[in-house]
C-alpha atoms as a PDB file:
ATOM      1  CA  UNK A   1      40.822 -14.980  92.170  1.00  0.00           C
ATOM      2  CA  UNK A   2      42.480 -12.956  89.377  1.00  0.00           C
ATOM      3  CA  UNK A   3      40.438 -10.806  87.095  1.00  0.00           C
ATOM      4  CA  UNK A   4      41.838 -10.659  83.510  1.00  0.00           C
ATOM      5  CA  UNK A   5      41.854  -7.419  81.871  1.00  0.00           C
ATOM      6  CA  UNK A   6      39.968  -6.691  78.882  1.00  0.00           C
ATOM      7  CA  UNK A   7      42.169  -6.408  75.777  1.00  0.00           C
ATOM      8  CA  UNK A   8      43.824  -2.927  75.660  1.00  0.00           C
ATOM      9  CA  UNK A   9      41.673  -1.116  73.339  1.00  0.00           C
ATOM     10  CA  UNK A  10      42.059   2.814  72.714  1.00  0.00           C
ATOM     11  CA  UNK A  11      39.472   5.018  71.116  1.00  0.00           C
ATOM     12  CA  UNK A  12      36.563   3.499  72.935  1.00  0.00           C
ATOM     13  CA  UNK A  13      34.617   6.581  74.311  1.00  0.00           C
ATOM     14  CA  UNK A  14      31.517   4.696  75.184  1.00  0.00           C
ATOM     15  CA  UNK A  15      32.809   2.167  77.732  1.00  0.00           C
ATOM     16  CA  UNK A  16      32.805   4.396  80.744  1.00  0.00           C
ATOM     17  CA  UNK A  17      30.372   6.133  82.791  1.00  0.00           C
ATOM     18  CA  UNK A  18      31.007   9.678  84.179  1.00  0.00           C
ATOM     19  CA  UNK A  19      32.700   9.265  87.568  1.00  0.00           C
ATOM     20  CA  UNK A  20      31.196  11.053  90.586  1.00  0.00           C
ATOM     21  CA  UNK A  21      32.162  14.796  90.687  1.00  0.00           C
ATOM     22  CA  UNK A  22      33.693  14.157  94.178  1.00  0.00           C
ATOM     23  CA  UNK A  23      36.366  11.992  92.470  1.00  0.00           C
ATOM     24  CA  UNK A  24      37.956  15.274  91.214  1.00  0.00           C
ATOM     25  CA  UNK A  25      41.144  13.647  89.619  1.00  0.00           C
ATOM     26  CA  UNK A  26      39.138  10.984  87.715  1.00  0.00           C
ATOM     27  CA  UNK A  27      36.471  13.463  86.737  1.00  0.00           C
ATOM     28  CA  UNK A  28      39.108  15.655  85.346  1.00  0.00           C
ATOM     29  CA  UNK A  29      40.510  12.844  83.372  1.00  0.00           C
ATOM     30  CA  UNK A  30      37.216  11.742  82.091  1.00  0.00           C
ATOM     31  CA  UNK A  31      36.159  15.281  80.848  1.00  0.00           C
ATOM     32  CA  UNK A  32      39.518  15.548  79.036  1.00  0.00           C
ATOM     33  CA  UNK A  33      38.983  12.324  77.448  1.00  0.00           C
ATOM     34  CA  UNK A  34      35.265  12.329  76.544  1.00  0.00           C
ATOM     35  CA  UNK A  35      35.087  15.866  75.395  1.00  0.00           C
ATOM     36  CA  UNK A  36      37.500  15.094  72.587  1.00  0.00           C
ATOM     37  CA  UNK A  37      39.233  18.424  73.683  1.00  0.00           C
ATOM     38  CA  UNK A  38      42.537  18.993  71.777  1.00  0.00           C
ATOM     39  CA  UNK A  39      45.210  19.822  74.174  1.00  0.00           C
ATOM     40  CA  UNK A  40      48.020  22.154  72.924  1.00  0.00           C
ATOM     41  CA  UNK A  41      51.432  21.827  74.067  1.00  0.00           C
ATOM     42  CA  UNK A  42      52.364  25.659  73.946  1.00  0.00           C
ATOM     43  CA  UNK A  43      56.112  25.432  74.516  1.00  0.00           C
ATOM     44  CA  UNK A  44      56.332  22.422  72.121  1.00  0.00           C
ATOM     45  CA  UNK A  45      55.733  24.659  69.196  1.00  0.00           C
ATOM     46  CA  UNK A  46      51.944  24.550  69.803  1.00  0.00           C
ATOM     47  CA  UNK A  47      51.909  20.870  69.172  1.00  0.00           C
ATOM     48  CA  UNK A  48      48.202  19.531  69.316  1.00  0.00           C
ATOM     49  CA  UNK A  49      47.605  16.229  70.872  1.00  0.00           C
ATOM     50  CA  UNK A  50      44.300  14.269  71.057  1.00  0.00           C
ATOM     51  CA  UNK A  51      43.206  11.846  73.753  1.00  0.00           C
ATOM     52  CA  UNK A  52      42.461   8.505  72.759  1.00  0.00           C
ATOM     53  CA  UNK A  53      42.599   6.348  75.841  1.00  0.00           C
ATOM     54  CA  UNK A  54      41.265   6.625  79.378  1.00  0.00           C
ATOM     55  CA  UNK A  55      41.913   4.472  82.287  1.00  0.00           C
ATOM     56  CA  UNK A  56      43.864   1.929  80.408  1.00  0.00           C
ATOM     57  CA  UNK A  57      44.459  -1.067  82.732  1.00  0.00           C
ATOM     58  CA  UNK A  58      47.838  -2.657  82.759  1.00  0.00           C
ATOM     59  CA  UNK A  59      48.778  -6.248  83.851  1.00  0.00           C
ATOM     60  CA  UNK A  60      46.731  -9.257  84.678  1.00  0.00           C
ATOM     61  CA  UNK A  61      44.865  -8.010  87.657  1.00  0.00           C
ATOM     62  CA  UNK A  62      42.669  -4.883  87.224  1.00  0.00           C
ATOM     63  CA  UNK A  63      43.300  -2.546  90.174  1.00  0.00           C
ATOM     64  CA  UNK A  64      42.738   1.078  90.145  1.00  0.00           C
ATOM     65  CA  UNK A  65      46.470   1.991  90.719  1.00  0.00           C
ATOM     66  CA  UNK A  66      47.396   0.096  87.690  1.00  0.00           C
ATOM     67  CA  UNK A  67      45.587   2.105  85.052  1.00  0.00           C
ATOM     68  CA  UNK A  68      47.126   4.825  82.771  1.00  0.00           C
ATOM     69  CA  UNK A  69      45.101   7.967  83.327  1.00  0.00           C
ATOM     70  CA  UNK A  70      45.115   9.136  79.684  1.00  0.00           C
ATOM     71  CA  UNK A  71      46.801   8.296  76.372  1.00  0.00           C
ATOM     72  CA  UNK A  72      46.942  10.742  73.445  1.00  0.00           C
ATOM     73  CA  UNK A  73      48.684  11.019  70.218  1.00  0.00           C
ATOM     74  CA  UNK A  74      49.658  13.809  67.797  1.00  0.00           C
ATOM     75  CA  UNK A  75      49.752  13.830  63.814  1.00  0.00           C
ATOM     76  CA  UNK A  76      53.326  13.041  63.709  1.00  0.00           C
ATOM     77  CA  UNK A  77      52.758   9.608  65.148  1.00  0.00           C
ATOM     78  CA  UNK A  78      53.785  10.181  68.696  1.00  0.00           C
ATOM     79  CA  UNK A  79      52.115   8.591  71.516  1.00  0.00           C
ATOM     80  CA  UNK A  80      51.666  10.473  74.966  1.00  0.00           C
ATOM     81  CA  UNK A  81      51.481   8.714  78.267  1.00  0.00           C
ATOM     82  CA  UNK A  82      49.738  11.114  80.680  1.00  0.00           C
ATOM     83  CA  UNK A  83      49.454  10.999  84.446  1.00  0.00           C
ATOM     84  CA  UNK A  84      47.157  13.496  85.996  1.00  0.00           C
ATOM     85  CA  UNK A  85      47.150  15.005  89.341  1.00  0.00           C
ATOM     86  CA  UNK A  86      44.618  17.143  90.924  1.00  0.00           C
ATOM     87  CA  UNK A  87      45.375  18.324  94.662  1.00  0.00           C
ATOM     88  CA  UNK A  88      48.590  18.728  96.480  1.00  0.00           C
ATOM     89  CA  UNK A  89      47.646  15.470  98.343  1.00  0.00           C
ATOM     90  CA  UNK A  90      48.232  13.532  95.197  1.00  0.00           C
ATOM     91  CA  UNK A  91      51.675  12.217  96.010  1.00  0.00           C
ATOM     92  CA  UNK A  92      55.086  13.629  95.071  1.00  0.00           C
ATOM     93  CA  UNK A  93      56.292  14.747  91.767  1.00  0.00           C
ATOM     94  CA  UNK A  94      58.931  11.933  91.917  1.00  0.00           C
ATOM     95  CA  UNK A  95      56.142   9.416  92.365  1.00  0.00           C
ATOM     96  CA  UNK A  96      54.184  10.968  89.328  1.00  0.00           C
ATOM     97  CA  UNK A  97      57.309  10.775  87.263  1.00  0.00           C
ATOM     98  CA  UNK A  98      57.788   7.198  88.212  1.00  0.00           C
ATOM     99  CA  UNK A  99      54.274   6.162  87.469  1.00  0.00           C
ATOM    100  CA  UNK A 100      54.391   7.630  83.962  1.00  0.00           C
ATOM    101  CA  UNK A 101      57.626   6.093  83.194  1.00  0.00           C
ATOM    102  CA  UNK A 102      56.409   2.632  84.374  1.00  0.00           C
ATOM    103  CA  UNK A 103      53.366   3.026  82.233  1.00  0.00           C
ATOM    104  CA  UNK A 104      55.412   3.874  79.220  1.00  0.00           C
ATOM    105  CA  UNK A 105      57.498   0.754  79.512  1.00  0.00           C
ATOM    106  CA  UNK A 106      54.522  -1.469  80.041  1.00  0.00           C
ATOM    107  CA  UNK A 107      52.723   0.110  77.013  1.00  0.00           C
ATOM    108  CA  UNK A 108      55.901  -0.555  74.970  1.00  0.00           C
ATOM    109  CA  UNK A 109      55.292  -4.344  75.659  1.00  0.00           C
ATOM    110  CA  UNK A 110      51.853  -3.937  74.024  1.00  0.00           C
ATOM    111  CA  UNK A 111      53.289  -1.711  70.936  1.00  0.00           C
ATOM    112  CA  UNK A 112      52.067  -4.312  68.274  1.00  0.00           C
ATOM    113  CA  UNK A 113      48.411  -4.272  69.412  1.00  0.00           C
ATOM    114  CA  UNK A 114      48.537  -0.449  69.928  1.00  0.00           C
ATOM    115  CA  UNK A 115      49.991   0.036  66.377  1.00  0.00           C
ATOM    116  CA  UNK A 116      47.351  -2.197  65.001  1.00  0.00           C
ATOM    117  CA  UNK A 117      44.603  -0.194  66.549  1.00  0.00           C
ATOM    118  CA  UNK A 118      46.227   3.110  65.208  1.00  0.00           C
ATOM    119  CA  UNK A 119      46.497   1.659  61.683  1.00  0.00           C
ATOM    120  CA  UNK A 120      42.806   0.670  61.871  1.00  0.00           C
ATOM    121  CA  UNK A 121      41.778   4.223  62.808  1.00  0.00           C
ATOM    122  CA  UNK A 122      44.349   6.195  60.593  1.00  0.00           C
ATOM    123  CA  UNK A 123      45.243   3.803  57.734  1.00  0.00           C
ATOM    124  CA  UNK A 124      47.601   1.020  57.122  1.00  0.00           C
ATOM    125  CA  UNK A 125      50.651   3.258  56.422  1.00  0.00           C
ATOM    126  CA  UNK A 126      50.369   4.869  60.028  1.00  0.00           C
ATOM    127  CA  UNK A 127      52.968   3.456  62.607  1.00  0.00           C
ATOM    128  CA  UNK A 128      53.774   4.987  65.887  1.00  0.00           C
ATOM    129  CA  UNK A 129      57.029   6.456  66.885  1.00  0.00           C
ATOM    130  CA  UNK A 130      58.913   5.362  69.837  1.00  0.00           C
ATOM    131  CA  UNK A 131      59.756   6.088  72.739  1.00  0.00           C
ATOM    132  CA  UNK A 132      56.407   7.397  73.951  1.00  0.00           C
ATOM    133  CA  UNK A 133      56.252  10.808  75.225  1.00  0.00           C
ATOM    134  CA  UNK A 134      55.652  11.122  79.119  1.00  0.00           C
ATOM    135  CA  UNK A 135      53.537  14.037  80.497  1.00  0.00           C
ATOM    136  CA  UNK A 136      52.361  14.908  83.949  1.00  0.00           C
ATOM    137  CA  UNK A 137      49.235  17.306  83.815  1.00  0.00           C
ATOM    138  CA  UNK A 138      48.064  18.997  86.874  1.00  0.00           C
ATOM    139  CA  UNK A 139      46.729  22.522  88.005  1.00  0.00           C
ATOM    140  CA  UNK A 140      49.467  25.012  89.139  1.00  0.00           C
ATOM    141  CA  UNK A 141      48.171  24.688  92.834  1.00  0.00           C
ATOM    142  CA  UNK A 142      49.201  21.073  92.692  1.00  0.00           C
ATOM    143  CA  UNK A 143      52.782  21.910  91.833  1.00  0.00           C
ATOM    144  CA  UNK A 144      53.034  24.963  94.073  1.00  0.00           C
ATOM    145  CA  UNK A 145      53.480  22.684  97.110  1.00  0.00           C
ATOM    146  CA  UNK A 146      55.625  20.211  95.638  1.00  0.00           C
ATOM    147  CA  UNK A 147      59.261  19.874  95.021  1.00  0.00           C
ATOM    148  CA  UNK A 148      61.082  19.700  91.596  1.00  0.00           C
ATOM    149  CA  UNK A 149      61.581  15.954  90.870  1.00  0.00           C
ATOM    150  CA  UNK A 150      65.170  14.433  91.255  1.00  0.00           C
ATOM    151  CA  UNK A 151      66.819  14.905  87.938  1.00  0.00           C
ATOM    152  CA  UNK A 152      67.314  11.222  87.476  1.00  0.00           C
ATOM    153  CA  UNK A 153      63.628  10.268  88.067  1.00  0.00           C
ATOM    154  CA  UNK A 154      62.110  13.415  86.274  1.00  0.00           C
ATOM    155  CA  UNK A 155      64.412  13.105  83.119  1.00  0.00           C
ATOM    156  CA  UNK A 156      62.259  12.989  80.165  1.00  0.00           C
ATOM    157  CA  UNK A 157      58.991  13.684  81.777  1.00  0.00           C
ATOM    158  CA  UNK A 158      57.247  17.055  80.935  1.00  0.00           C
ATOM    159  CA  UNK A 159      55.369  18.597  84.036  1.00  0.00           C
ATOM    160  CA  UNK A 160      52.696  20.619  82.518  1.00  0.00           C
ATOM    161  CA  UNK A 161      49.901  22.882  83.858  1.00  0.00           C
ATOM    162  CA  UNK A 162      46.897  24.704  82.467  1.00  0.00           C
ATOM    163  CA  UNK A 163      47.623  27.973  80.959  1.00  0.00           C
ATOM    164  CA  UNK A 164      44.296  29.616  81.523  1.00  0.00           C
ATOM    165  CA  UNK A 165      43.830  28.784  85.114  1.00  0.00           C
ATOM    166  CA  UNK A 166      45.617  27.915  88.223  1.00  0.00           C
ATOM    167  CA  UNK A 167      42.971  25.497  89.279  1.00  0.00           C
ATOM    168  CA  UNK A 168      40.793  22.918  87.453  1.00  0.00           C
ATOM    169  CA  UNK A 169      37.095  23.808  87.818  1.00  0.00           C
ATOM    170  CA  UNK A 170      35.681  21.935  84.873  1.00  0.00           C
ATOM    171  CA  UNK A 171      36.792  21.875  81.217  1.00  0.00           C
ATOM    172  CA  UNK A 172      35.662  25.455  80.519  1.00  0.00           C
ATOM    173  CA  UNK A 173      37.831  26.744  83.272  1.00  0.00           C
ATOM    174  CA  UNK A 174      40.899  25.579  81.348  1.00  0.00           C
ATOM    175  CA  UNK A 175      39.854  25.910  77.764  1.00  0.00           C
ATOM    176  CA  UNK A 176      40.879  28.965  75.709  1.00  0.00           C
ATOM    177  CA  UNK A 177      38.671  30.986  73.501  1.00  0.00           C
ATOM    178  CA  UNK A 178      39.647  29.007  70.412  1.00  0.00           C
ATOM    179  CA  UNK A 179      38.582  25.787  72.383  1.00  0.00           C
ATOM    180  CA  UNK A 180      42.007  24.306  72.921  1.00  0.00           C
ATOM    181  CA  UNK A 181      43.222  23.236  76.287  1.00  0.00           C
ATOM    182  CA  UNK A 182      46.537  25.009  76.385  1.00  0.00           C
ATOM    183  CA  UNK A 183      49.230  23.397  78.378  1.00  0.00           C
ATOM    184  CA  UNK A 184      52.476  25.134  79.555  1.00  0.00           C
ATOM    185  CA  UNK A 185      55.436  23.676  81.413  1.00  0.00           C
ATOM    186  CA  UNK A 186      55.503  24.427  85.049  1.00  0.00           C
ATOM    187  CA  UNK A 187      58.172  26.553  86.236  1.00  0.00           C
ATOM    188  CA  UNK A 188      59.752  25.419  89.428  1.00  0.00           C
ATOM    189  CA  UNK A 189      60.516  28.015  92.208  1.00  0.00           C
ATOM    190  CA  UNK A 190      63.505  26.562  93.463  1.00  0.00           C
END
């Protein structure tokens, strides 16, 4: 029996309960979303992005592996599709890039509905830019045990890590003194 997804709706901060702390990756996503923390892309001219969607289901059947971890936007009308990783056991960087790219393609199919929600939030003249920006966010310790993604798979995907900590031990461990979560591009060793 198929379970239909609920209509894609961003900006709903009340529909999720806090995941168990043992589900570290999902708990990290939840904290980044519900805290309304502003993420700052340091090497992208300190661009600030705000989370607006969490665990967004894709497709007709709701299954955990078919959910976008986080969606964010900036004031220049760019939408960010974010895949998060927590530990080095969370799959390859190629897999992470493929996931975020597939999610961006799927969201593009829903652009009219997403645009309407942004217009409701920001005003009628507010319309999203395309294509969507694709990010993978993980603690440095995740990347340190991984290979750089293949050029064709990783093209267009930014692999980011937390500037203030090599590990994620709660939001306060990665938030700077000014309250922002600074993200920097991971520098591959090879």
